[in-house]
Structure formats: structure tokens, C-alpha cells
Protein backbone atom coordinates (compact mmCIF):
# COMPACT_ATOMS: atom_id res chain seq x y z
CA MET A 1 100.00 39.88 118.85
CA THR A 2 100.66 43.41 117.34
CA THR A 3 103.40 45.67 118.14
CA THR A 4 103.27 49.43 118.03
CA ALA A 5 106.18 51.30 116.90
CA THR A 6 107.24 54.12 118.91
CA ALA A 7 109.38 56.99 117.92
CA PRO A 8 112.86 57.24 119.86
CA ASN A 9 112.83 59.65 122.58
CA HIS A 10 115.58 61.88 120.94
CA MET A 11 113.35 62.56 117.83
CA HIS A 12 110.63 65.02 118.24
CA THR A 13 108.71 67.32 115.84
CA THR A 14 109.02 71.10 115.86
CA PRO A 15 105.86 72.69 116.81
CA GLN A 16 104.26 74.71 114.18
CA HIS A 17 103.51 78.24 114.80
CA PRO A 18 100.96 80.21 112.76
CA ALA A 19 102.21 82.42 110.02
CA VAL A 20 102.75 85.90 110.97
CA ASP A 21 102.03 88.57 108.38
CA ALA A 22 105.04 90.95 107.71
CA PRO A 23 104.32 94.68 108.62
CA PRO A 24 103.65 96.55 105.54
CA ARG A 25 106.65 98.51 104.29
CA ARG A 26 106.42 102.27 104.90
CA ARG A 27 107.98 104.90 102.66
CA PRO A 28 110.94 106.37 104.32
CA THR A 29 110.50 109.71 106.05
CA TRP A 30 112.92 111.42 104.03
CA PHE A 31 110.99 110.83 100.77
CA TRP A 32 108.20 113.24 101.99
CA PHE A 33 110.78 115.98 102.60
CA LEU A 34 112.17 115.58 99.00
CA ALA A 35 108.75 115.17 97.26
CA PRO A 36 107.79 118.91 97.15
CA GLY A 37 111.41 119.79 95.63
CA LEU A 38 111.30 116.87 93.21
CA LEU A 39 107.67 117.81 92.12
CA LEU A 40 108.89 121.33 91.58
CA LEU A 41 111.86 120.37 89.54
CA LEU A 42 109.71 118.00 87.50
CA VAL A 43 107.18 120.66 86.47
CA PHE A 44 109.29 123.71 86.18
CA PHE A 45 112.66 122.23 84.80
CA PHE A 46 112.24 118.91 83.27
CA VAL A 47 109.00 119.34 81.49
CA PRO A 48 109.94 122.64 79.87
CA LEU A 49 113.33 121.02 79.09
CA GLY A 50 111.75 118.15 77.60
CA ASN A 51 109.55 120.37 75.61
CA ILE A 52 112.55 122.20 74.08
CA VAL A 53 114.38 119.03 73.23
CA TRP A 54 111.26 117.70 71.54
CA LYS A 55 110.83 120.86 69.38
CA SER A 56 114.41 120.82 68.33
CA PHE A 57 113.73 117.28 66.67
CA THR A 58 110.11 118.02 65.34
CA ASP A 59 109.82 121.83 64.46
CA PRO A 60 109.27 122.37 61.58
CA THR A 61 109.92 118.74 60.49
CA PHE A 62 110.80 115.52 62.36
CA GLY A 63 114.53 114.80 62.18
CA LEU A 64 117.98 116.31 62.59
CA ALA A 65 117.51 119.18 60.24
CA ASN A 66 117.83 121.82 63.03
CA TYR A 67 121.12 120.47 64.00
CA ARG A 68 122.46 120.17 60.50
CA ASN A 69 121.52 123.89 59.91
CA LEU A 70 123.34 124.60 63.13
CA ILE A 71 126.41 123.35 61.84
CA THR A 72 126.28 124.52 58.35
CA ASP A 73 124.71 127.96 58.41
CA GLY A 74 128.16 129.52 59.09
CA VAL A 75 127.01 131.59 62.05
CA SER A 76 125.87 129.47 65.08
CA VAL A 77 129.26 127.65 65.37
CA ARG A 78 131.16 130.68 65.27
CA ILE A 79 128.95 132.33 67.89
CA LEU A 80 129.25 129.11 70.00
CA LEU A 81 133.07 129.17 69.90
CA ARG A 82 132.90 132.92 70.85
CA THR A 83 130.71 132.16 73.71
CA LEU A 84 133.00 129.37 74.97
CA LEU A 85 136.16 131.58 74.65
CA THR A 86 134.35 134.59 76.51
CA ALA A 87 133.25 132.22 79.37
CA ALA A 88 136.74 130.80 79.57
CA ALA A 89 138.19 134.26 79.55
CA VAL A 90 135.90 135.38 82.33
CA ALA A 91 136.59 132.33 84.34
CA THR A 92 140.35 132.72 83.99
CA LEU A 93 140.33 136.43 84.90
CA THR A 94 138.23 135.89 87.96
CA LEU A 95 140.52 133.07 89.15
CA VAL A 96 143.57 135.43 88.66
CA LEU A 97 141.79 138.13 90.67
CA GLY A 98 139.99 136.00 93.11
CA PHE A 99 142.68 133.54 94.22
CA PRO A 100 144.87 136.33 95.90
CA TYR A 101 141.76 137.88 97.34
CA ALA A 102 140.46 134.41 98.97
CA TYR A 103 144.02 133.67 100.21
CA ALA A 104 144.22 137.20 101.92
CA MET A 105 140.92 136.24 103.59
CA THR A 106 142.26 133.29 105.25
CA ARG A 107 145.20 135.18 106.60
CA VAL A 108 143.60 138.22 108.14
CA SER A 109 141.84 138.76 111.40
CA LYS A 110 138.11 137.91 111.76
CA ARG A 111 137.06 141.59 111.71
CA ALA A 112 139.14 142.18 108.44
CA ARG A 113 137.52 138.92 107.09
CA SER A 114 134.16 140.11 107.86
CA VAL A 115 134.67 143.31 105.92
CA MET A 116 136.46 141.51 103.00
CA THR A 117 133.37 139.21 102.79
CA ILE A 118 130.84 142.07 102.72
CA LEU A 119 132.91 143.62 99.84
CA VAL A 120 132.71 140.31 97.93
CA LEU A 121 129.09 140.09 98.65
CA LEU A 122 128.11 143.77 97.66
CA PRO A 123 127.43 142.65 93.88
CA PHE A 124 124.81 140.32 95.20
CA TRP A 125 122.97 143.28 96.87
CA THR A 126 122.84 145.37 93.71
CA SER A 127 120.50 144.95 90.96
CA LEU A 128 122.08 143.45 87.77
CA ILE A 129 120.44 145.96 85.60
CA ALA A 130 122.01 148.87 87.69
CA ARG A 131 125.38 147.37 87.55
CA ASN A 132 125.12 146.97 83.85
CA PHE A 133 124.03 150.63 83.36
CA ALA A 134 126.93 151.79 85.60
CA TRP A 135 129.41 149.91 83.33
CA PHE A 136 127.55 151.50 80.33
CA ILE A 137 128.48 154.91 81.66
CA LEU A 138 131.95 153.81 82.51
CA GLU A 139 132.86 152.33 79.22
CA GLU A 140 131.21 154.87 76.68
CA GLY A 141 133.00 157.48 74.91
CA ASN A 142 134.38 160.31 77.26
CA GLY A 143 133.51 157.88 80.14
CA LEU A 144 135.72 157.50 83.18
CA ILE A 145 137.71 154.77 81.58
CA ASP A 146 138.23 156.77 78.42
CA ARG A 147 139.33 159.86 80.39
CA PHE A 148 141.65 157.66 82.51
CA PHE A 149 143.55 156.50 79.55
CA GLN A 150 143.52 159.91 78.13
CA LEU A 151 145.82 160.86 80.97
CA PHE A 152 148.43 158.57 79.49
CA GLY A 153 148.04 159.97 75.95
CA LEU A 154 145.69 157.26 74.74
CA ASP A 155 142.50 158.55 73.15
CA ASP A 156 139.28 156.87 72.12
CA VAL A 157 139.56 154.02 74.48
CA VAL A 158 135.97 153.02 74.38
CA LEU A 159 135.04 149.58 75.63
CA LEU A 160 131.29 149.97 75.11
CA GLY A 161 130.19 147.80 72.21
CA THR A 162 133.28 145.57 72.22
CA LEU A 163 133.72 141.99 73.48
CA THR A 164 136.47 143.34 75.80
CA GLY A 165 133.96 145.55 77.71
CA VAL A 166 131.65 142.83 77.90
CA THR A 167 134.19 140.47 79.49
CA VAL A 168 135.23 143.14 82.02
CA ALA A 169 131.70 143.67 83.21
CA MET A 170 131.02 139.86 83.34
CA VAL A 171 134.20 139.48 85.48
CA GLN A 172 132.96 141.97 88.05
CA VAL A 173 129.54 140.17 88.16
CA MET A 174 131.13 136.69 88.60
CA LEU A 175 134.03 137.53 90.95
CA PRO A 176 131.95 136.56 94.05
CA TYR A 177 131.21 133.16 92.55
CA MET A 178 134.95 132.49 92.39
CA VAL A 179 135.89 134.02 95.60
CA LEU A 180 133.46 132.20 97.90
CA PRO A 181 134.39 128.52 96.69
CA LEU A 182 138.11 129.38 96.83
CA PHE A 183 137.80 130.72 100.39
CA THR A 184 135.81 127.71 101.37
CA SER A 185 138.44 125.40 100.10
CA MET A 186 141.45 127.36 101.44
CA ASN A 187 140.00 127.78 104.97
CA THR A 188 140.16 123.96 105.46
CA ILE A 189 143.79 123.73 104.49
CA ASP A 190 146.07 123.14 107.52
CA ARG A 191 148.64 125.72 107.48
CA ARG A 192 150.99 123.58 109.55
CA LEU A 193 151.74 121.65 106.55
CA LEU A 194 153.49 124.69 105.19
CA ASP A 195 155.41 125.00 108.39
CA ALA A 196 156.40 121.38 108.12
CA ALA A 197 157.65 121.91 104.60
CA ALA A 198 159.48 124.87 105.83
CA SER A 199 161.14 123.11 108.61
CA CYS A 200 162.44 120.70 106.13
CA GLY A 201 164.23 123.44 104.14
CA ALA A 202 161.74 124.18 101.33
CA PRO A 203 161.47 128.01 100.63
CA TRP A 204 158.10 129.63 101.05
CA LEU A 205 157.42 129.81 97.34
CA THR A 206 158.18 125.98 96.95
CA ALA A 207 156.23 125.06 99.92
CA PHE A 208 153.27 127.03 98.48
CA ARG A 209 153.46 125.61 95.07
CA THR A 210 154.06 121.94 96.13
CA VAL A 211 151.76 121.83 99.40
CA TYR A 212 149.24 124.63 99.41
CA LEU A 213 148.39 124.93 95.81
CA PRO A 214 147.53 121.19 95.21
CA LEU A 215 145.30 121.20 98.30
CA SER A 216 143.52 124.29 96.93
CA ILE A 217 142.77 122.71 93.58
CA PRO A 218 139.27 121.49 94.51
CA GLY A 219 138.26 125.12 95.18
CA VAL A 220 139.85 126.25 92.07
CA VAL A 221 137.95 123.66 89.93
CA SER A 222 134.78 124.37 91.58
CA GLY A 223 135.00 128.25 91.16
CA PHE A 224 136.31 127.92 87.55
CA SER A 225 133.63 125.53 86.71
CA LEU A 226 130.74 127.51 88.26
CA VAL A 227 131.94 130.82 86.68
CA PHE A 228 132.53 129.22 83.28
CA ILE A 229 129.11 127.55 83.17
CA MET A 230 127.19 130.56 84.47
CA SER A 231 128.95 132.78 81.89
CA LEU A 232 127.67 130.59 78.96
CA GLY A 233 124.01 131.64 79.78
CA PHE A 234 124.80 135.49 80.25
CA TYR A 235 122.28 137.51 78.25
CA ILE A 236 121.65 140.96 79.91
CA THR A 237 125.22 142.12 79.91
CA PRO A 238 126.20 141.26 76.35
CA ALA A 239 122.83 142.72 75.17
CA LEU A 240 123.34 146.00 76.85
CA LEU A 241 127.08 146.36 76.40
CA GLY A 242 127.95 144.38 73.34
CA THR A 243 126.64 144.57 69.77
CA PRO A 244 124.89 142.31 67.38
CA GLN A 245 127.97 141.70 65.46
CA GLN A 246 129.62 140.16 68.65
CA ALA A 247 126.48 138.32 69.82
CA LEU A 248 126.77 135.38 72.21
CA ILE A 249 124.73 132.23 72.24
CA PRO A 250 121.96 133.54 74.52
CA GLN A 251 121.36 136.38 72.25
CA LEU A 252 121.22 134.16 69.27
CA ILE A 253 118.71 131.95 70.92
CA GLU A 254 116.56 135.18 71.80
CA ILE A 255 116.78 136.17 68.04
CA ARG A 256 115.70 132.78 66.78
CA VAL A 257 112.81 132.40 69.25
CA GLN A 258 111.51 135.98 69.81
CA ARG A 259 112.04 137.51 66.46
CA LEU A 260 112.12 134.67 63.98
CA LEU A 261 109.75 132.41 65.81
CA ASP A 262 112.10 129.63 64.88
CA PHE A 263 111.51 127.48 67.94
CA GLY A 264 113.25 124.31 66.49
CA ALA A 265 116.51 126.19 65.87
CA GLY A 266 116.37 127.92 69.31
CA GLY A 267 115.68 124.54 70.86
CA ALA A 268 118.80 122.96 69.16
CA LEU A 269 120.97 125.79 70.26
CA GLY A 270 119.83 125.16 73.86
CA VAL A 271 120.37 121.58 73.57
CA VAL A 272 123.92 122.07 72.29
CA LEU A 273 124.50 124.58 75.12
CA LEU A 274 123.14 122.02 77.72
CA ALA A 275 125.31 119.25 76.23
CA VAL A 276 128.48 121.53 76.53
CA THR A 277 127.56 122.24 80.28
CA LEU A 278 127.10 118.58 80.99
CA LEU A 279 130.34 117.67 79.44
CA ILE A 280 132.11 120.27 81.51
CA LEU A 281 130.42 119.01 84.67
CA GLY A 282 131.53 115.55 83.81
CA VAL A 283 135.11 116.70 83.23
CA VAL A 284 135.06 118.51 86.68
CA ALA A 285 133.60 115.68 88.38
CA ARG A 286 136.51 113.60 87.26
CA ILE A 287 139.25 116.15 88.17
CA ALA A 288 137.83 117.41 91.40
CA LYS A 289 137.54 114.11 93.34
CA PRO A 290 137.95 114.74 97.17
CA THR A 291 140.98 112.26 97.37
CA SER A 292 142.77 113.00 94.13
CA THR A 293 144.74 115.86 95.55
CA LEU A 294 145.84 114.04 98.65
CA ASP A 295 146.77 110.95 96.50
CA ARG A 296 149.11 112.91 94.34
CA LEU A 297 150.79 114.68 97.24
CA ALA A 298 151.18 110.98 98.84
CA ASP A 299 152.73 109.87 95.50
CA LYS A 300 155.20 112.50 95.71
């Protein structure tokens, strides 16, 4: 007599389903919107930049000879320092001039603000060559600036061909790039914070210094870094209003590449200028964090 073992009723096997193929992963839609811009950036920026970096290490010989010559030739480092100081002076002067102007834009009526915005944007609507030639006429001997100082007994105040004249013209060109970031930052500051500080007994100047000014730091840092970095690459204004004895880095690169055909040295100068720019951007990124200003105010 044989017995057949039967499985208990509470035990059952799970039915097997046929494997279902996972749907193919599709590339995100946003990629196709970014693809043309990325391709354009790759072809017209990264490829030429890579070519410049490559020539700086390989032309005329492979190695660091171009960078060693840049440090030891006695000219490049001095011009680089002059360029950095000029860019810092331009950024500082535009900040001094642009901060009160941007603050006034936040306090006036909408119609007055529109007029002030148009005045700021006027340089964008004028050719850079035309502006430089206008400064050429103003700064030359017996020009308007020279005749103005003659009224006070100061003769031969000729800014043409001087670094001061180049700086003044660059400030006028760069002023909108300072005012617009400042206004954008200041326009978001809640003025009730100043009223709250005044209600606590703080004088207006103290409230402005301890409340309003720290909140405007992101705009200050953004405008200063933008003007400073753009001033490093100025070529037309120093070339027209300056002299070869007071050349800046872009002029030196033009001389090395166009006249001397020294592509390796020109590439090394460009790489150094790019490294300085990236260093400045890194410092700005660490300073101008969105929450850093609020955190400092909270700590106080």
C-alpha cells in the first residue's frame, strides 16, 4: 500500500509571470534644448582654447619654456601686474560711482527709474570705437578736459597717452556692468528692515551700514568681479588712448602673435590670464554665497 504525500493547504506556489522587458530609457527632453548651445560652445570656445593651451606647451619646443620666459623676460610680469592694477582701479571707481546711482534707482518713482535706466544703457547703444574716439578728442592737448583745468590755472593736463586717461575711458564703458547688478541686488532688499532698525533706535547711517550694506554685498561682489574680469581683456581702449610703453596684457598678446608670430608665448600669456580669471571667479563663488550675508546678520 503506497501513500502519497500531499502539501498542506497553507502552502502554495507563487505563479510565475513571464518576464516583461523594461522600456528603453529615453534621453531627457532638456538635453535636446542644450545640445545646440553645447555644440556651439565646444566648437567655438573649447577647441580654440585647447589649441591655445597646446601651442603654449609645444611651440616652438615641447615643455615649459614659454612660461619660464614669461617669468624671466622682465616685461611680461610687469605688464601683467599693470593690467591687474588697472582692472582693480576700474572696478573700484565704477563701484564708487555706481553704488549711489543704483541706490537712487531704488528710491525714485517708476518714471524716473526708467529715465535713469535709459541713461545707464546709453553706452550699450553707442559704438565702442565712437566712444573711444570721443575720449580721444576730450583727452588730447587743448581738448575739453585740458581747457577745463586751464580755468583753474592748471596747464597741460593731457590725459591722452596716459594710463589715467585709459582708466577714465574704461570706467565710462564699464559703468553699466556695475550699476545693473547692484540695482538688481538692491531692488530685492526689504526696506522695512531699515525701518525696524530705526524703530530700535539705530541712526540712519548705522542702520544702512549694519543692515542695508551687508544685504547688498552679493550685488557688490557680482558687479566688481564682472567689471574686473572684463577689464582684464580690454584691447581697443588701451590701444587707442594709451601708449606702447604702458601696454596691457591684451596688447602684449597682440604684439607676440600678430607682429612677432610667437604663438607659444602669446598662448602662455593667454593661459596665465585665463588662470587669473578662474582664480577670481573661484574667490567670488566662495564670497558671494546666497546665504552668507544672512548668516552674518543672524550671527550679529
